[in-house]
């Protein structure tokens, strides 16, 4: 007998505010930041960027920075005092990498101390009932393509969630999912620079998903443990 899946809408997506659309409102990757280039030996159309090489270097205007800072590539950065608060609260499911921060030219303000949030928490594979399905896979270069979702309330199968406060669901590596405990804390502390959306209120996405491989978004060791059994490492 098939087990019934358990879905919960008590999760939220942490993302950049809609107001961060104009030039200068986001941190920009410095020209020194590079990514691996993947060239498929069989399909020319599969050429693409891969895992970022090294830690992040960004250029920003500190006057426009909130407690959370976002890049144009949806990297989530937090100020040093936010990291200390999160650690004091005992939040789980993430680690941080140091960020080199450069101040935009003409602005005489010391640069901020920022940390990149890297998810380690795991919510498993998105349920097919969400509409997300694997539509293309290249065994030569590792390309994975998925459909979008039309039923966001079915994205997270709680039986696959590891209980972390911050976590990822595949194939949505840039979606930071958080628990209500995190949401309550962010609101209580009045942290700025972020938007919180209940999972069941996420807008439907008809766009296909090309997430790369899990090792692009987590440490090699963590990605191998989680991803190898699923064929997404």
Protein backbone atom coordinates (compact mmCIF):
# COMPACT_ATOMS: atom_id res chain seq x y z
CA UNK A 1 0.00 0.00 0.00
CA UNK A 2 1.37 3.44 -0.89
CA UNK A 3 1.94 5.77 2.05
CA UNK A 4 0.02 9.02 2.07
CA UNK A 5 2.22 12.05 1.64
CA UNK A 6 1.96 14.74 4.30
CA UNK A 7 1.94 18.33 3.08
CA UNK A 8 2.18 21.40 5.28
CA UNK A 9 1.58 25.05 4.57
CA UNK A 10 3.35 26.10 7.76
CA UNK A 11 6.46 26.98 5.78
CA UNK A 12 7.48 30.21 4.14
CA UNK A 13 9.82 31.36 1.41
CA UNK A 14 12.42 33.93 2.41
CA UNK A 15 13.26 36.14 -0.56
CA UNK A 16 14.24 39.62 -1.65
CA UNK A 17 11.65 42.40 -1.37
CA UNK A 18 9.82 43.41 -4.53
CA UNK A 19 11.25 46.90 -4.02
CA UNK A 20 14.77 45.71 -4.93
CA UNK A 21 14.31 46.21 -8.65
CA UNK A 22 16.17 49.40 -9.40
CA UNK A 23 19.84 49.87 -10.17
CA UNK A 24 21.94 50.09 -7.02
CA UNK A 25 19.44 48.37 -4.76
CA UNK A 26 21.17 44.99 -4.96
CA UNK A 27 24.73 43.90 -4.39
CA UNK A 28 26.49 43.28 -7.69
CA UNK A 29 28.97 40.51 -8.36
CA UNK A 30 32.47 41.91 -8.73
CA UNK A 31 34.16 41.24 -12.07
CA UNK A 32 36.57 38.92 -10.29
CA UNK A 33 33.78 36.39 -9.53
CA UNK A 34 33.86 33.48 -11.96
CA UNK A 35 31.84 30.30 -12.51
CA UNK A 36 32.77 26.96 -13.98
CA UNK A 37 31.82 26.49 -17.62
CA UNK A 38 30.15 23.21 -18.59
CA UNK A 39 30.54 22.07 -22.19
CA UNK A 40 28.58 19.02 -23.25
CA UNK A 41 30.53 16.76 -25.63
CA UNK A 42 27.28 15.69 -27.34
CA UNK A 43 24.91 18.68 -27.37
CA UNK A 44 26.07 22.24 -28.18
CA UNK A 45 22.91 23.65 -26.62
CA UNK A 46 23.82 22.26 -23.21
CA UNK A 47 26.72 24.67 -22.68
CA UNK A 48 26.13 26.62 -19.49
CA UNK A 49 27.61 28.05 -16.33
CA UNK A 50 28.23 25.72 -13.42
CA UNK A 51 29.33 26.09 -9.84
CA UNK A 52 30.69 29.45 -8.73
CA UNK A 53 34.42 29.37 -8.10
CA UNK A 54 35.43 30.51 -4.62
CA UNK A 55 33.74 32.87 -2.20
CA UNK A 56 31.68 35.84 -3.28
CA UNK A 57 32.95 39.37 -3.82
CA UNK A 58 30.27 42.05 -4.20
CA UNK A 59 30.02 45.76 -4.83
CA UNK A 60 27.24 47.69 -3.12
CA UNK A 61 26.05 50.96 -1.67
CA UNK A 62 26.00 50.48 2.13
CA UNK A 63 23.42 53.26 2.44
CA UNK A 64 20.86 51.05 0.71
CA UNK A 65 21.68 47.83 2.54
CA UNK A 66 19.14 46.17 4.83
CA UNK A 67 19.75 43.48 7.40
CA UNK A 68 19.40 41.07 4.48
CA UNK A 69 21.22 41.92 1.24
CA UNK A 70 20.52 40.22 -2.10
CA UNK A 71 22.46 39.98 -5.34
CA UNK A 72 21.05 39.96 -8.85
CA UNK A 73 21.60 36.19 -8.82
CA UNK A 74 19.43 35.83 -5.69
CA UNK A 75 22.33 35.11 -3.35
CA UNK A 76 21.18 35.79 0.21
CA UNK A 77 23.64 37.79 2.31
CA UNK A 78 23.21 38.82 5.93
CA UNK A 79 24.93 41.43 8.02
CA UNK A 80 27.16 40.34 10.87
CA UNK A 81 24.68 41.26 13.60
CA UNK A 82 22.00 39.12 11.92
CA UNK A 83 24.31 36.11 11.93
CA UNK A 84 24.94 36.61 15.64
CA UNK A 85 21.18 36.78 16.30
CA UNK A 86 20.53 33.62 14.30
CA UNK A 87 23.25 31.77 16.17
CA UNK A 88 21.95 32.95 19.53
CA UNK A 89 18.50 31.72 18.55
CA UNK A 90 19.92 28.35 17.54
CA UNK A 91 18.52 28.28 14.02
CA UNK A 92 19.57 25.24 12.00
CA UNK A 93 19.89 24.31 8.34
CA UNK A 94 22.46 26.80 7.10
CA UNK A 95 26.11 27.65 7.14
CA UNK A 96 27.80 30.85 6.04
CA UNK A 97 30.65 31.83 3.78
CA UNK A 98 32.56 35.10 4.12
CA UNK A 99 31.83 37.78 1.55
CA UNK A 100 34.36 40.33 0.36
CA UNK A 101 32.54 43.65 0.17
CA UNK A 102 33.58 46.60 -1.95
CA UNK A 103 31.89 49.98 -1.65
CA UNK A 104 30.63 51.67 -4.80
CA UNK A 105 32.90 54.42 -6.11
CA UNK A 106 32.22 57.89 -4.72
CA UNK A 107 30.70 56.62 -1.47
CA UNK A 108 32.90 57.30 1.55
CA UNK A 109 31.36 54.81 3.96
CA UNK A 110 33.21 51.80 5.36
CA UNK A 111 32.08 48.52 3.76
CA UNK A 112 29.74 46.21 5.64
CA UNK A 113 30.57 42.80 7.04
CA UNK A 114 28.40 40.35 5.11
CA UNK A 115 27.99 36.58 5.12
CA UNK A 116 26.51 34.42 2.39
CA UNK A 117 23.79 32.05 3.57
CA UNK A 118 24.36 28.52 2.23
CA UNK A 119 21.57 26.04 2.88
CA UNK A 120 22.36 22.68 4.46
CA UNK A 121 18.81 21.87 5.58
CA UNK A 122 16.94 19.47 3.33
CA UNK A 123 13.29 19.13 2.37
CA UNK A 124 13.78 16.41 -0.22
CA UNK A 125 12.50 16.38 -3.76
CA UNK A 126 9.48 18.51 -4.62
CA UNK A 127 6.37 16.37 -4.88
CA UNK A 128 5.16 15.66 -8.44
CA UNK A 129 1.75 16.84 -7.22
CA UNK A 130 3.21 20.35 -7.21
CA UNK A 131 3.53 20.07 -10.99
CA UNK A 132 7.33 19.81 -10.90
CA UNK A 133 8.61 16.94 -13.02
CA UNK A 134 11.92 16.04 -14.62
CA UNK A 135 11.54 16.71 -18.35
CA UNK A 136 15.11 16.41 -19.66
CA UNK A 137 18.31 14.77 -18.47
CA UNK A 138 21.68 14.55 -20.21
CA UNK A 139 23.84 11.69 -18.97
CA UNK A 140 26.84 13.16 -20.78
CA UNK A 141 27.07 16.58 -19.11
CA UNK A 142 24.64 16.17 -16.20
CA UNK A 143 22.04 18.65 -17.45
CA UNK A 144 18.74 18.50 -15.55
CA UNK A 145 15.60 20.31 -16.68
CA UNK A 146 12.34 20.37 -14.75
CA UNK A 147 8.89 21.80 -15.35
CA UNK A 148 7.56 24.68 -13.27
CA UNK A 149 4.93 24.31 -10.57
CA UNK A 150 1.19 24.98 -10.57
CA UNK A 151 0.33 23.77 -7.05
CA UNK A 152 2.77 25.38 -4.59
CA UNK A 153 0.95 23.96 -1.57
CA UNK A 154 2.21 20.51 -2.62
CA UNK A 155 5.89 21.43 -3.04
CA UNK A 156 7.01 20.32 0.43
CA UNK A 157 6.42 16.76 1.53
CA UNK A 158 7.01 16.98 5.29
CA UNK A 159 7.96 13.31 5.48
CA UNK A 160 11.13 14.23 3.55
CA UNK A 161 11.96 17.35 5.59
CA UNK A 162 14.86 16.95 8.03
CA UNK A 163 13.43 19.38 10.58
CA UNK A 164 15.82 22.26 9.84
CA UNK A 165 14.73 25.89 10.27
CA UNK A 166 16.26 26.81 6.90
CA UNK A 167 16.07 24.27 4.09
CA UNK A 168 16.09 23.58 0.37
CA UNK A 169 13.68 21.59 -1.76
CA UNK A 170 14.95 20.23 -5.07
CA UNK A 171 14.88 21.50 -7.83
CA UNK A 172 14.48 24.94 -6.24
CA UNK A 173 17.97 25.65 -4.86
CA UNK A 174 17.44 29.41 -4.82
CA UNK A 175 14.23 29.15 -2.80
CA UNK A 176 15.08 29.54 0.88
CA UNK A 177 12.32 27.80 2.81
CA UNK A 178 11.99 28.60 6.51
CA UNK A 179 9.84 27.57 9.45
CA UNK A 180 7.32 29.72 11.27
CA UNK A 181 9.86 30.02 14.09
CA UNK A 182 12.18 31.91 11.75
CA UNK A 183 9.34 34.05 10.45
CA UNK A 184 8.24 35.01 13.95
CA UNK A 185 11.82 35.91 14.89
CA UNK A 186 12.39 38.07 11.80
CA UNK A 187 9.16 39.94 12.50
CA UNK A 188 9.92 40.33 16.21
CA UNK A 189 13.38 41.71 15.51
CA UNK A 190 12.03 43.84 12.65
CA UNK A 191 14.79 42.70 10.32
CA UNK A 192 14.81 44.55 7.02
CA UNK A 193 15.61 43.67 3.45
CA UNK A 194 13.51 40.56 3.04
CA UNK A 195 10.07 39.35 2.07
CA UNK A 196 8.28 36.34 3.56
CA UNK A 197 5.69 34.45 1.50
CA UNK A 198 3.65 31.47 2.75
CA UNK A 199 4.39 28.45 0.58
CA UNK A 200 0.77 28.02 -0.50
CA UNK A 201 0.73 31.69 -1.64
CA UNK A 202 3.74 31.41 -3.94
CA UNK A 203 2.88 32.56 -7.46
CA UNK A 204 2.49 29.78 -10.00
CA UNK A 205 5.58 29.38 -12.16
CA UNK A 206 5.22 28.06 -15.70
CA UNK A 207 8.88 28.61 -16.43
CA UNK A 208 11.09 25.55 -16.62
CA UNK A 209 13.69 25.01 -13.94
CA UNK A 210 17.38 24.43 -14.66
CA UNK A 211 18.96 24.10 -11.21
CA UNK A 212 22.30 22.60 -12.17
CA UNK A 213 23.47 19.96 -9.73
CA UNK A 214 23.12 19.87 -5.96
CA UNK A 215 26.89 20.21 -5.59
CA UNK A 216 26.59 23.71 -7.10
CA UNK A 217 24.67 24.86 -4.03
CA UNK A 218 26.01 22.88 -1.07
CA UNK A 219 29.35 21.63 0.16
CA UNK A 220 30.65 18.64 -1.77
CA UNK A 221 30.27 16.34 1.22
CA UNK A 222 26.70 17.35 2.03
CA UNK A 223 25.65 17.32 -1.63
CA UNK A 224 27.13 13.86 -2.14
CA UNK A 225 25.27 12.37 0.82
CA UNK A 226 21.94 13.83 -0.24
CA UNK A 227 22.31 13.90 -3.99
CA UNK A 228 23.99 10.67 -5.05
CA UNK A 229 21.02 8.43 -4.12
CA UNK A 230 18.72 10.76 -6.07
CA UNK A 231 20.95 11.19 -9.12
CA UNK A 232 21.26 14.95 -8.65
CA UNK A 233 24.72 15.24 -7.07
